[in-house]
Amino acid sequence: MTAELTVPTRSDRWTDVCGFVDLMPERGACALVDGVQVAIFRTFDGELYALSNFDPFSGAYVLARGILGTRNGAPTVASPMYKQVFDLRTGQCLDDEQVVVPTYPVRHNSAGRVEVSLP
């Protein structure tokens, strides 16, 4: 009988980023997770979202400084540079359907910490 070795995939690893209470509602924060800049957002209702901090239209790492809102019921962030709007759930640009920024799993753990996992 051979034992199978299970190696955790990268998406099984969670990186502690900050305390949940440290994230101001309706504001973004940037974290460096495994060398990737991640924009993390907390909405007024306590939902967490994480996506790439890279704005593909300006070429700058600025999405964490964007303005949160909604469009057709979808939570969004508008880039502070040229104001393109991205769906926080999917990373889809709502102003240009051909552009999508990566999104990442994010959670609020029982210790009150926010964690992000990269694929």
C-alpha atoms as a PDB file:
ATOM      1  CA  MET A   1       0.000   0.000   0.000  1.00  0.00           C
ATOM      2  CA  THR A   2       1.399   3.385  -0.986  1.00  0.00           C
ATOM      3  CA  ALA A   3       0.657   6.549   0.944  1.00  0.00           C
ATOM      4  CA  GLU A   4      -0.412   9.520  -1.114  1.00  0.00           C
ATOM      5  CA  LEU A   5       1.272  12.792  -0.329  1.00  0.00           C
ATOM      6  CA  THR A   6      -1.070  15.763  -0.506  1.00  0.00           C
ATOM      7  CA  VAL A   7       0.705  19.012  -1.198  1.00  0.00           C
ATOM      8  CA  PRO A   8      -1.346  22.112  -0.464  1.00  0.00           C
ATOM      9  CA  THR A   9      -1.997  24.261  -3.495  1.00  0.00           C
ATOM     10  CA  ARG A  10      -1.248  27.949  -3.356  1.00  0.00           C
ATOM     11  CA  SER A  11      -4.971  28.746  -3.024  1.00  0.00           C
ATOM     12  CA  ASP A  12      -4.987  26.722   0.222  1.00  0.00           C
ATOM     13  CA  ARG A  13      -2.552  29.220   1.762  1.00  0.00           C
ATOM     14  CA  TRP A  14      -3.955  32.287   3.433  1.00  0.00           C
ATOM     15  CA  THR A  15      -1.818  35.330   4.159  1.00  0.00           C
ATOM     16  CA  ASP A  16      -2.659  37.490   7.148  1.00  0.00           C
ATOM     17  CA  VAL A  17      -2.977  41.091   5.967  1.00  0.00           C
ATOM     18  CA  CYS A  18      -4.480  43.240   8.727  1.00  0.00           C
ATOM     19  CA  GLY A  19      -7.147  43.472  11.374  1.00  0.00           C
ATOM     20  CA  PHE A  20     -10.737  43.704  10.122  1.00  0.00           C
ATOM     21  CA  VAL A  21     -11.287  46.831  12.253  1.00  0.00           C
ATOM     22  CA  ASP A  22      -8.220  48.430  10.652  1.00  0.00           C
ATOM     23  CA  LEU A  23     -10.013  48.535   7.282  1.00  0.00           C
ATOM     24  CA  MET A  24     -12.154  51.639   7.105  1.00  0.00           C
ATOM     25  CA  PRO A  25     -15.541  51.003   5.490  1.00  0.00           C
ATOM     26  CA  GLU A  26     -15.765  52.261   1.898  1.00  0.00           C
ATOM     27  CA  ARG A  27     -11.989  52.784   1.720  1.00  0.00           C
ATOM     28  CA  GLY A  28      -9.304  50.655   0.152  1.00  0.00           C
ATOM     29  CA  ALA A  29      -5.992  49.427   1.489  1.00  0.00           C
ATOM     30  CA  CYS A  30      -3.054  47.942  -0.368  1.00  0.00           C
ATOM     31  CA  ALA A  31      -1.125  44.889   0.799  1.00  0.00           C
ATOM     32  CA  LEU A  32       1.851  43.088  -0.677  1.00  0.00           C
ATOM     33  CA  VAL A  33       0.980  39.367  -0.741  1.00  0.00           C
ATOM     34  CA  ASP A  34       3.660  37.031  -2.090  1.00  0.00           C
ATOM     35  CA  GLY A  35       5.073  39.912  -4.145  1.00  0.00           C
ATOM     36  CA  VAL A  36       1.661  40.899  -5.593  1.00  0.00           C
ATOM     37  CA  GLN A  37       0.012  44.238  -4.798  1.00  0.00           C
ATOM     38  CA  VAL A  38      -3.540  43.506  -3.672  1.00  0.00           C
ATOM     39  CA  ALA A  39      -6.245  46.152  -3.167  1.00  0.00           C
ATOM     40  CA  ILE A  40      -8.555  45.195  -0.299  1.00  0.00           C
ATOM     41  CA  PHE A  41     -11.922  46.824   0.295  1.00  0.00           C
ATOM     42  CA  ARG A  42     -14.452  46.694   3.132  1.00  0.00           C
ATOM     43  CA  THR A  43     -17.944  47.926   2.343  1.00  0.00           C
ATOM     44  CA  PHE A  44     -20.379  49.503   4.821  1.00  0.00           C
ATOM     45  CA  ASP A  45     -22.170  46.163   5.167  1.00  0.00           C
ATOM     46  CA  GLY A  46     -18.901  44.438   6.152  1.00  0.00           C
ATOM     47  CA  GLU A  47     -18.249  42.595   2.888  1.00  0.00           C
ATOM     48  CA  LEU A  48     -14.615  42.149   1.885  1.00  0.00           C
ATOM     49  CA  TYR A  49     -13.223  42.222  -1.650  1.00  0.00           C
ATOM     50  CA  ALA A  50      -9.685  41.812  -2.964  1.00  0.00           C
ATOM     51  CA  LEU A  51      -8.400  42.487  -6.446  1.00  0.00           C
ATOM     52  CA  SER A  52      -5.212  43.509  -8.162  1.00  0.00           C
ATOM     53  CA  ASN A  53      -4.061  47.015  -7.251  1.00  0.00           C
ATOM     54  CA  PHE A  54      -2.891  47.484 -10.866  1.00  0.00           C
ATOM     55  CA  ASP A  55      -4.968  49.832 -13.031  1.00  0.00           C
ATOM     56  CA  PRO A  56      -4.541  48.493 -16.588  1.00  0.00           C
ATOM     57  CA  PHE A  57      -5.600  51.801 -18.142  1.00  0.00           C
ATOM     58  CA  SER A  58      -3.018  54.038 -16.443  1.00  0.00           C
ATOM     59  CA  GLY A  59      -0.354  51.422 -15.764  1.00  0.00           C
ATOM     60  CA  ALA A  60      -0.196  52.529 -12.114  1.00  0.00           C
ATOM     61  CA  TYR A  61      -0.803  50.577  -8.904  1.00  0.00           C
ATOM     62  CA  VAL A  62      -3.655  52.752  -7.613  1.00  0.00           C
ATOM     63  CA  LEU A  63      -6.956  50.843  -7.416  1.00  0.00           C
ATOM     64  CA  ALA A  64      -6.800  50.740  -3.592  1.00  0.00           C
ATOM     65  CA  ARG A  65      -7.197  54.534  -3.717  1.00  0.00           C
ATOM     66  CA  GLY A  66     -10.335  54.298  -5.864  1.00  0.00           C
ATOM     67  CA  ILE A  67     -13.841  55.393  -5.006  1.00  0.00           C
ATOM     68  CA  LEU A  68     -16.293  52.667  -3.979  1.00  0.00           C
ATOM     69  CA  GLY A  69     -19.843  52.639  -5.267  1.00  0.00           C
ATOM     70  CA  THR A  70     -22.402  50.446  -6.998  1.00  0.00           C
ATOM     71  CA  ARG A  71     -23.576  50.043 -10.547  1.00  0.00           C
ATOM     72  CA  ASN A  72     -26.724  48.034 -11.284  1.00  0.00           C
ATOM     73  CA  GLY A  73     -26.458  46.484  -7.814  1.00  0.00           C
ATOM     74  CA  ALA A  74     -22.811  45.442  -8.223  1.00  0.00           C
ATOM     75  CA  PRO A  75     -20.227  46.721  -5.729  1.00  0.00           C
ATOM     76  CA  THR A  76     -17.617  48.688  -7.658  1.00  0.00           C
ATOM     77  CA  VAL A  77     -14.418  50.678  -7.455  1.00  0.00           C
ATOM     78  CA  ALA A  78     -13.631  53.570  -9.799  1.00  0.00           C
ATOM     79  CA  SER A  79      -9.972  54.048 -10.629  1.00  0.00           C
ATOM     80  CA  PRO A  80      -8.631  57.338  -9.256  1.00  0.00           C
ATOM     81  CA  MET A  81      -6.754  57.921 -12.517  1.00  0.00           C
ATOM     82  CA  TYR A  82      -9.126  57.777 -15.498  1.00  0.00           C
ATOM     83  CA  LYS A  83     -12.260  56.714 -13.567  1.00  0.00           C
ATOM     84  CA  GLN A  84     -12.881  53.317 -15.197  1.00  0.00           C
ATOM     85  CA  VAL A  85     -15.191  51.294 -12.967  1.00  0.00           C
ATOM     86  CA  PHE A  86     -14.474  47.677 -11.928  1.00  0.00           C
ATOM     87  CA  ASP A  87     -16.864  45.133 -10.399  1.00  0.00           C
ATOM     88  CA  LEU A  88     -15.346  44.181  -7.030  1.00  0.00           C
ATOM     89  CA  ARG A  89     -16.749  40.638  -7.253  1.00  0.00           C
ATOM     90  CA  THR A  90     -15.341  39.725 -10.656  1.00  0.00           C
ATOM     91  CA  GLY A  91     -12.724  42.352 -11.586  1.00  0.00           C
ATOM     92  CA  GLN A  92     -14.632  43.043 -14.812  1.00  0.00           C
ATOM     93  CA  CYS A  93     -14.275  46.596 -16.109  1.00  0.00           C
ATOM     94  CA  LEU A  94     -17.808  47.897 -16.556  1.00  0.00           C
ATOM     95  CA  ASP A  95     -16.648  50.515 -19.056  1.00  0.00           C
ATOM     96  CA  ASP A  96     -14.698  48.136 -21.308  1.00  0.00           C
ATOM     97  CA  GLU A  97     -15.861  44.506 -21.370  1.00  0.00           C
ATOM     98  CA  GLN A  98     -12.510  43.298 -22.714  1.00  0.00           C
ATOM     99  CA  VAL A  99     -10.648  44.325 -19.558  1.00  0.00           C
ATOM    100  CA  VAL A 100     -10.632  42.295 -16.334  1.00  0.00           C
ATOM    101  CA  VAL A 101      -8.334  42.641 -13.325  1.00  0.00           C
ATOM    102  CA  PRO A 102      -7.577  39.597 -11.167  1.00  0.00           C
ATOM    103  CA  THR A 103      -9.637  39.052  -8.016  1.00  0.00           C
ATOM    104  CA  TYR A 104      -8.528  37.057  -4.984  1.00  0.00           C
ATOM    105  CA  PRO A 105     -10.257  35.123  -2.217  1.00  0.00           C
ATOM    106  CA  VAL A 106     -10.430  37.207   0.962  1.00  0.00           C
ATOM    107  CA  ARG A 107     -11.871  36.349   4.360  1.00  0.00           C
ATOM    108  CA  HIS A 108     -12.390  37.658   7.872  1.00  0.00           C
ATOM    109  CA  ASN A 109     -11.226  34.953  10.272  1.00  0.00           C
ATOM    110  CA  SER A 110     -12.444  34.173  13.786  1.00  0.00           C
ATOM    111  CA  ALA A 111      -9.477  36.065  15.291  1.00  0.00           C
ATOM    112  CA  GLY A 112     -10.674  39.303  13.665  1.00  0.00           C
ATOM    113  CA  ARG A 113      -7.998  39.264  10.986  1.00  0.00           C
ATOM    114  CA  VAL A 114      -8.316  39.727   7.224  1.00  0.00           C
ATOM    115  CA  GLU A 115      -6.599  37.088   5.074  1.00  0.00           C
ATOM    116  CA  VAL A 116      -5.987  36.890   1.324  1.00  0.00           C
ATOM    117  CA  SER A 117      -5.174  33.871  -0.817  1.00  0.00           C
ATOM    118  CA  LEU A 118      -3.532  34.056  -4.221  1.00  0.00           C
ATOM    119  CA  PRO A 119      -4.295  31.380  -6.821  1.00  0.00           C
END
